[in-house]
Amino acid sequence: EWVRLQRVADQAGDFADLAARAPSPDAG
């Protein structure tokens, strides 16, 4: 379970960059 969650956390940065480039970023 930790391995799966760690993989999700490792790719969170990519999705954070994707969310930041959105025309209207969502703080949530």
PDB file of all heavy atoms in Angstrom:
ATOM      1  N   GLU A   1       0.836  -1.212   0.000  1.00  0.00           N
ATOM      2  CA  GLU A   1       0.000   0.000   0.000  1.00  0.00           C
ATOM      3  C   GLU A   1       0.865   1.254   0.000  1.00  0.00           C
ATOM      4  O   GLU A   1       0.577   2.229  -0.714  1.00  0.00           O
ATOM      5  CB  GLU A   1      -0.916  -0.023   1.231  1.00  0.00           C
ATOM      6  CG  GLU A   1      -1.855   1.158   1.329  1.00  0.00           C
ATOM      7  CD  GLU A   1      -2.971   1.116   0.297  1.00  0.00           C
ATOM      8  OE1 GLU A   1      -3.100   0.106  -0.428  1.00  0.00           O
ATOM      9  OE2 GLU A   1      -3.718   2.108   0.212  1.00  0.00           O
ATOM     10  N   TRP A   2       1.933   1.241   0.792  1.00  0.00           N
ATOM     11  CA  TRP A   2       2.840   2.394   0.807  1.00  0.00           C
ATOM     12  C   TRP A   2       3.493   2.587  -0.562  1.00  0.00           C
ATOM     13  O   TRP A   2       3.644   3.717  -1.029  1.00  0.00           O
ATOM     14  CB  TRP A   2       3.913   2.187   1.873  1.00  0.00           C
ATOM     15  CG  TRP A   2       5.035   3.180   1.745  1.00  0.00           C
ATOM     16  CD1 TRP A   2       5.009   4.507   2.079  1.00  0.00           C
ATOM     17  CD2 TRP A   2       6.335   2.925   1.205  1.00  0.00           C
ATOM     18  NE1 TRP A   2       6.219   5.100   1.791  1.00  0.00           N
ATOM     19  CE2 TRP A   2       7.055   4.144   1.251  1.00  0.00           C
ATOM     20  CE3 TRP A   2       6.961   1.796   0.704  1.00  0.00           C
ATOM     21  CZ2 TRP A   2       8.363   4.254   0.810  1.00  0.00           C
ATOM     22  CZ3 TRP A   2       8.268   1.898   0.254  1.00  0.00           C
ATOM     23  CH2 TRP A   2       8.952   3.114   0.305  1.00  0.00           C
ATOM     24  N   VAL A   3       3.891   1.487  -1.221  1.00  0.00           N
ATOM     25  CA  VAL A   3       4.515   1.590  -2.547  1.00  0.00           C
ATOM     26  C   VAL A   3       3.555   2.252  -3.525  1.00  0.00           C
ATOM     27  O   VAL A   3       3.948   3.136  -4.305  1.00  0.00           O
ATOM     28  CB  VAL A   3       4.936   0.195  -3.051  1.00  0.00           C
ATOM     29  CG1 VAL A   3       5.337   0.248  -4.530  1.00  0.00           C
ATOM     30  CG2 VAL A   3       6.097  -0.351  -2.218  1.00  0.00           C
ATOM     31  N   ARG A   4       2.277   1.831  -3.476  1.00  0.00           N
ATOM     32  CA  ARG A   4       1.292   2.442  -4.390  1.00  0.00           C
ATOM     33  C   ARG A   4       1.106   3.928  -4.092  1.00  0.00           C
ATOM     34  O   ARG A   4       1.060   4.759  -5.006  1.00  0.00           O
ATOM     35  CB  ARG A   4      -0.033   1.682  -4.286  1.00  0.00           C
ATOM     36  CG  ARG A   4      -0.019   0.326  -4.968  1.00  0.00           C
ATOM     37  CD  ARG A   4      -1.399  -0.266  -5.022  1.00  0.00           C
ATOM     38  NE  ARG A   4      -1.853  -0.694  -3.721  1.00  0.00           N
ATOM     39  CZ  ARG A   4      -1.713  -1.928  -3.233  1.00  0.00           C
ATOM     40  NH1 ARG A   4      -1.106  -2.841  -3.953  1.00  0.00           N
ATOM     41  NH2 ARG A   4      -2.164  -2.238  -2.031  1.00  0.00           N
ATOM     42  N   LEU A   5       0.977   4.279  -2.800  1.00  0.00           N
ATOM     43  CA  LEU A   5       0.790   5.689  -2.431  1.00  0.00           C
ATOM     44  C   LEU A   5       2.032   6.513  -2.776  1.00  0.00           C
ATOM     45  O   LEU A   5       1.920   7.685  -3.173  1.00  0.00           O
ATOM     46  CB  LEU A   5       0.474   5.804  -0.939  1.00  0.00           C
ATOM     47  CG  LEU A   5      -0.929   5.357  -0.521  1.00  0.00           C
ATOM     48  CD1 LEU A   5      -1.052   5.325   0.993  1.00  0.00           C
ATOM     49  CD2 LEU A   5      -1.988   6.294  -1.112  1.00  0.00           C
ATOM     50  N   GLN A   6       3.203   5.934  -2.629  1.00  0.00           N
ATOM     51  CA  GLN A   6       4.432   6.656  -2.950  1.00  0.00           C
ATOM     52  C   GLN A   6       4.517   6.955  -4.449  1.00  0.00           C
ATOM     53  O   GLN A   6       4.977   8.019  -4.859  1.00  0.00           O
ATOM     54  CB  GLN A   6       5.646   5.839  -2.502  1.00  0.00           C
ATOM     55  CG  GLN A   6       6.966   6.579  -2.621  1.00  0.00           C
ATOM     56  CD  GLN A   6       7.002   7.831  -1.770  1.00  0.00           C
ATOM     57  OE1 GLN A   6       6.656   7.803  -0.588  1.00  0.00           O
ATOM     58  NE2 GLN A   6       7.387   8.958  -2.374  1.00  0.00           N
ATOM     59  N   ARG A   7       4.070   5.989  -5.253  1.00  0.00           N
ATOM     60  CA  ARG A   7       4.051   6.221  -6.703  1.00  0.00           C
ATOM     61  C   ARG A   7       3.096   7.358  -7.047  1.00  0.00           C
ATOM     62  O   ARG A   7       3.387   8.199  -7.917  1.00  0.00           O
ATOM     63  CB  ARG A   7       3.639   4.949  -7.431  1.00  0.00           C
ATOM     64  CG  ARG A   7       4.722   3.870  -7.427  1.00  0.00           C
ATOM     65  CD  ARG A   7       4.187   2.576  -7.981  1.00  0.00           C
ATOM     66  NE  ARG A   7       5.202   1.527  -7.985  1.00  0.00           N
ATOM     67  CZ  ARG A   7       4.942   0.248  -8.210  1.00  0.00           C
ATOM     68  NH1 ARG A   7       3.686  -0.136  -8.455  1.00  0.00           N
ATOM     69  NH2 ARG A   7       5.911  -0.646  -8.181  1.00  0.00           N
ATOM     70  N   VAL A   8       1.943   7.374  -6.360  1.00  0.00           N
ATOM     71  CA  VAL A   8       0.987   8.465  -6.585  1.00  0.00           C
ATOM     72  C   VAL A   8       1.601   9.799  -6.174  1.00  0.00           C
ATOM     73  O   VAL A   8       1.488  10.818  -6.881  1.00  0.00           O
ATOM     74  CB  VAL A   8      -0.316   8.195  -5.806  1.00  0.00           C
ATOM     75  CG1 VAL A   8      -1.246   9.415  -5.870  1.00  0.00           C
ATOM     76  CG2 VAL A   8      -1.029   6.969  -6.359  1.00  0.00           C
ATOM     77  N   ALA A   9       2.308   9.805  -5.029  1.00  0.00           N
ATOM     78  CA  ALA A   9       2.916  11.054  -4.557  1.00  0.00           C
ATOM     79  C   ALA A   9       4.034  11.513  -5.489  1.00  0.00           C
ATOM     80  O   ALA A   9       4.208  12.715  -5.720  1.00  0.00           O
ATOM     81  CB  ALA A   9       3.458  10.849  -3.144  1.00  0.00           C
ATOM     82  N   ASP A  10       4.787  10.553  -6.039  1.00  0.00           N
ATOM     83  CA  ASP A  10       5.893  10.919  -6.932  1.00  0.00           C
ATOM     84  C   ASP A  10       5.425  11.612  -8.195  1.00  0.00           C
ATOM     85  O   ASP A  10       6.165  12.440  -8.770  1.00  0.00           O
ATOM     86  CB  ASP A  10       6.690   9.657  -7.303  1.00  0.00           C
ATOM     87  CG  ASP A  10       7.481   9.100  -6.128  1.00  0.00           C
ATOM     88  OD1 ASP A  10       7.677   9.845  -5.146  1.00  0.00           O
ATOM     89  OD2 ASP A  10       7.863   7.907  -6.181  1.00  0.00           O
ATOM     90  N   GLN A  11       4.221  11.262  -8.624  1.00  0.00           N
ATOM     91  CA  GLN A  11       3.731  11.896  -9.849  1.00  0.00           C
ATOM     92  C   GLN A  11       2.835  13.100  -9.560  1.00  0.00           C
ATOM     93  O   GLN A  11       2.320  13.726 -10.481  1.00  0.00           O
ATOM     94  CB  GLN A  11       2.952  10.873 -10.682  1.00  0.00           C
ATOM     95  CG  GLN A  11       1.669  10.399 -10.046  1.00  0.00           C
ATOM     96  CD  GLN A  11       1.031   9.231 -10.802  1.00  0.00           C
ATOM     97  OE1 GLN A  11       1.705   8.541 -11.554  1.00  0.00           O
ATOM     98  NE2 GLN A  11      -0.255   9.049 -10.611  1.00  0.00           N
ATOM     99  N   ALA A  12       2.682  13.437  -8.270  1.00  0.00           N
ATOM    100  CA  ALA A  12       1.811  14.576  -7.924  1.00  0.00           C
ATOM    101  C   ALA A  12       2.367  15.887  -8.470  1.00  0.00           C
ATOM    102  O   ALA A  12       1.614  16.793  -8.847  1.00  0.00           O
ATOM    103  CB  ALA A  12       1.644  14.652  -6.403  1.00  0.00           C
ATOM    104  N   GLY A  13       3.718  16.016  -8.500  1.00  0.00           N
ATOM    105  CA  GLY A  13       4.311  17.257  -9.002  1.00  0.00           C
ATOM    106  C   GLY A  13       3.943  17.534 -10.450  1.00  0.00           C
ATOM    107  O   GLY A  13       3.682  18.686 -10.830  1.00  0.00           O
ATOM    108  N   ASP A  14       3.906  16.500 -11.265  1.00  0.00           N
ATOM    109  CA  ASP A  14       3.536  16.693 -12.667  1.00  0.00           C
ATOM    110  C   ASP A  14       2.120  17.226 -12.790  1.00  0.00           C
ATOM    111  O   ASP A  14       1.828  18.105 -13.610  1.00  0.00           O
ATOM    112  CB  ASP A  14       3.665  15.367 -13.430  1.00  0.00           C
ATOM    113  CG  ASP A  14       5.103  14.876 -13.462  1.00  0.00           C
ATOM    114  OD1 ASP A  14       6.024  15.717 -13.380  1.00  0.00           O
ATOM    115  OD2 ASP A  14       5.298  13.635 -13.566  1.00  0.00           O
ATOM    116  N   PHE A  15       1.221  16.680 -11.947  1.00  0.00           N
ATOM    117  CA  PHE A  15      -0.170  17.131 -12.017  1.00  0.00           C
ATOM    118  C   PHE A  15      -0.343  18.511 -11.396  1.00  0.00           C
ATOM    119  O   PHE A  15      -1.229  19.277 -11.796  1.00  0.00           O
ATOM    120  CB  PHE A  15      -1.080  16.115 -11.318  1.00  0.00           C
ATOM    121  CG  PHE A  15      -1.237  14.842 -12.098  1.00  0.00           C
ATOM    122  CD1 PHE A  15      -0.389  13.765 -11.895  1.00  0.00           C
ATOM    123  CD2 PHE A  15      -2.232  14.717 -13.063  1.00  0.00           C
ATOM    124  CE1 PHE A  15      -0.526  12.599 -12.617  1.00  0.00           C
ATOM    125  CE2 PHE A  15      -2.369  13.553 -13.795  1.00  0.00           C
ATOM    126  CZ  PHE A  15      -1.513  12.491 -13.570  1.00  0.00           C
ATOM    127  N   ALA A  16       0.537  18.852 -10.409  1.00  0.00           N
ATOM    128  CA  ALA A  16       0.486  20.204  -9.842  1.00  0.00           C
ATOM    129  C   ALA A  16       0.874  21.233 -10.901  1.00  0.00           C
ATOM    130  O   ALA A  16       0.260  22.311 -11.012  1.00  0.00           O
ATOM    131  CB  ALA A  16       1.411  20.292  -8.632  1.00  0.00           C
ATOM    132  N   ASP A  17       1.911  20.921 -11.697  1.00  0.00           N
ATOM    133  CA  ASP A  17       2.295  21.832 -12.784  1.00  0.00           C
ATOM    134  C   ASP A  17       1.171  21.954 -13.807  1.00  0.00           C
ATOM    135  O   ASP A  17       0.900  23.050 -14.320  1.00  0.00           O
ATOM    136  CB  ASP A  17       3.560  21.307 -13.475  1.00  0.00           C
ATOM    137  CG  ASP A  17       4.770  21.353 -12.564  1.00  0.00           C
ATOM    138  OD1 ASP A  17       4.732  22.104 -11.572  1.00  0.00           O
ATOM    139  OD2 ASP A  17       5.739  20.599 -12.842  1.00  0.00           O
ATOM    140  N   LEU A  18       0.529  20.826 -14.092  1.00  0.00           N
ATOM    141  CA  LEU A  18      -0.573  20.865 -15.046  1.00  0.00           C
ATOM    142  C   LEU A  18      -1.724  21.718 -14.527  1.00  0.00           C
ATOM    143  O   LEU A  18      -2.328  22.513 -15.267  1.00  0.00           O
ATOM    144  CB  LEU A  18      -1.055  19.434 -15.316  1.00  0.00           C
ATOM    145  CG  LEU A  18      -2.183  19.275 -16.333  1.00  0.00           C
ATOM    146  CD1 LEU A  18      -1.733  19.756 -17.713  1.00  0.00           C
ATOM    147  CD2 LEU A  18      -2.646  17.812 -16.397  1.00  0.00           C
ATOM    148  N   ALA A  19      -2.017  21.592 -13.219  1.00  0.00           N
ATOM    149  CA  ALA A  19      -3.109  22.388 -12.638  1.00  0.00           C
ATOM    150  C   ALA A  19      -2.747  23.869 -12.600  1.00  0.00           C
ATOM    151  O   ALA A  19      -3.606  24.740 -12.795  1.00  0.00           O
ATOM    152  CB  ALA A  19      -3.417  21.886 -11.224  1.00  0.00           C
ATOM    153  N   ALA A  20      -1.465  24.189 -12.358  1.00  0.00           N
ATOM    154  CA  ALA A  20      -1.045  25.588 -12.286  1.00  0.00           C
ATOM    155  C   ALA A  20      -1.131  26.276 -13.639  1.00  0.00           C
ATOM    156  O   ALA A  20      -1.320  27.503 -13.715  1.00  0.00           O
ATOM    157  CB  ALA A  20       0.376  25.678 -11.742  1.00  0.00           C
ATOM    158  N   ARG A  21      -0.987  25.512 -14.733  1.00  0.00           N
ATOM    159  CA  ARG A  21      -1.054  26.107 -16.062  1.00  0.00           C
ATOM    160  C   ARG A  21      -2.482  26.278 -16.566  1.00  0.00           C
ATOM    161  O   ARG A  21      -2.707  26.786 -17.664  1.00  0.00           O
ATOM    162  CB  ARG A  21      -0.279  25.227 -17.059  1.00  0.00           C
ATOM    163  CG  ARG A  21       1.220  25.211 -16.807  1.00  0.00           C
ATOM    164  CD  ARG A  21       1.980  24.727 -18.050  1.00  0.00           C
ATOM    165  NE  ARG A  21       1.511  23.419 -18.510  1.00  0.00           N
ATOM    166  CZ  ARG A  21       2.034  22.256 -18.110  1.00  0.00           C
ATOM    167  NH1 ARG A  21       3.014  22.256 -17.210  1.00  0.00           N
ATOM    168  NH2 ARG A  21       1.579  21.123 -18.594  1.00  0.00           N
ATOM    169  N   ALA A  22      -3.428  25.833 -15.748  1.00  0.00           N
ATOM    170  CA  ALA A  22      -4.832  25.977 -16.163  1.00  0.00           C
ATOM    171  C   ALA A  22      -5.206  27.463 -16.191  1.00  0.00           C
ATOM    172  O   ALA A  22      -4.683  28.269 -15.408  1.00  0.00           O
ATOM    173  CB  ALA A  22      -5.735  25.221 -15.208  1.00  0.00           C
ATOM    174  N   PRO A  23      -6.118  27.882 -17.105  1.00  0.00           N
ATOM    175  CA  PRO A  23      -6.526  29.299 -17.179  1.00  0.00           C
ATOM    176  C   PRO A  23      -7.083  29.805 -15.850  1.00  0.00           C
ATOM    177  O   PRO A  23      -6.861  30.954 -15.484  1.00  0.00           O
ATOM    178  CB  PRO A  23      -7.599  29.298 -18.275  1.00  0.00           C
ATOM    179  CG  PRO A  23      -7.275  28.084 -19.105  1.00  0.00           C
ATOM    180  CD  PRO A  23      -6.737  27.076 -18.156  1.00  0.00           C
ATOM    181  N   SER A  24      -7.791  28.962 -15.128  1.00  0.00           N
ATOM    182  CA  SER A  24      -8.345  29.364 -13.830  1.00  0.00           C
ATOM    183  C   SER A  24      -7.985  28.301 -12.802  1.00  0.00           C
ATOM    184  O   SER A  24      -8.731  27.350 -12.584  1.00  0.00           O
ATOM    185  CB  SER A  24      -9.862  29.533 -13.921  1.00  0.00           C
ATOM    186  OG  SER A  24     -10.457  28.341 -14.436  1.00  0.00           O
ATOM    187  N   PRO A  25      -6.805  28.425 -12.167  1.00  0.00           N
ATOM    188  CA  PRO A  25      -6.357  27.413 -11.209  1.00  0.00           C
ATOM    189  C   PRO A  25      -7.341  27.250 -10.046  1.00  0.00           C
ATOM    190  O   PRO A  25      -7.927  28.237  -9.571  1.00  0.00           O
ATOM    191  CB  PRO A  25      -5.004  27.954 -10.724  1.00  0.00           C
ATOM    192  CG  PRO A  25      -4.567  28.889 -11.808  1.00  0.00           C
ATOM    193  CD  PRO A  25      -5.825  29.499 -12.354  1.00  0.00           C
ATOM    194  N   ASP A  26      -7.515  26.028  -9.608  1.00  0.00           N
ATOM    195  CA  ASP A  26      -8.423  25.701  -8.501  1.00  0.00           C
ATOM    196  C   ASP A  26      -7.578  25.426  -7.260  1.00  0.00           C
ATOM    197  O   ASP A  26      -6.764  24.496  -7.236  1.00  0.00           O
ATOM    198  CB  ASP A  26      -9.276  24.484  -8.865  1.00  0.00           C
ATOM    199  CG  ASP A  26     -10.310  24.166  -7.789  1.00  0.00           C
ATOM    200  OD1 ASP A  26     -10.355  24.890  -6.779  1.00  0.00           O
ATOM    201  OD2 ASP A  26     -11.050  23.174  -7.972  1.00  0.00           O
ATOM    202  N   ALA A  27      -7.765  26.243  -6.237  1.00  0.00           N
ATOM    203  CA  ALA A  27      -6.998  26.073  -4.995  1.00  0.00           C
ATOM    204  C   ALA A  27      -7.287  24.728  -4.338  1.00  0.00           C
ATOM    205  O   ALA A  27      -6.418  24.119  -3.713  1.00  0.00           O
ATOM    206  CB  ALA A  27      -7.306  27.206  -4.026  1.00  0.00           C
ATOM    207  N   GLY A  28      -8.520  24.249  -4.476  1.00  0.00           N
ATOM    208  CA  GLY A  28      -8.871  22.956  -3.879  1.00  0.00           C
ATOM    209  C   GLY A  28      -8.089  21.811  -4.496  1.00  0.00           C
ATOM    210  O   GLY A  28      -7.697  20.861  -3.804  1.00  0.00           O
TER     211      GLY A  28
END
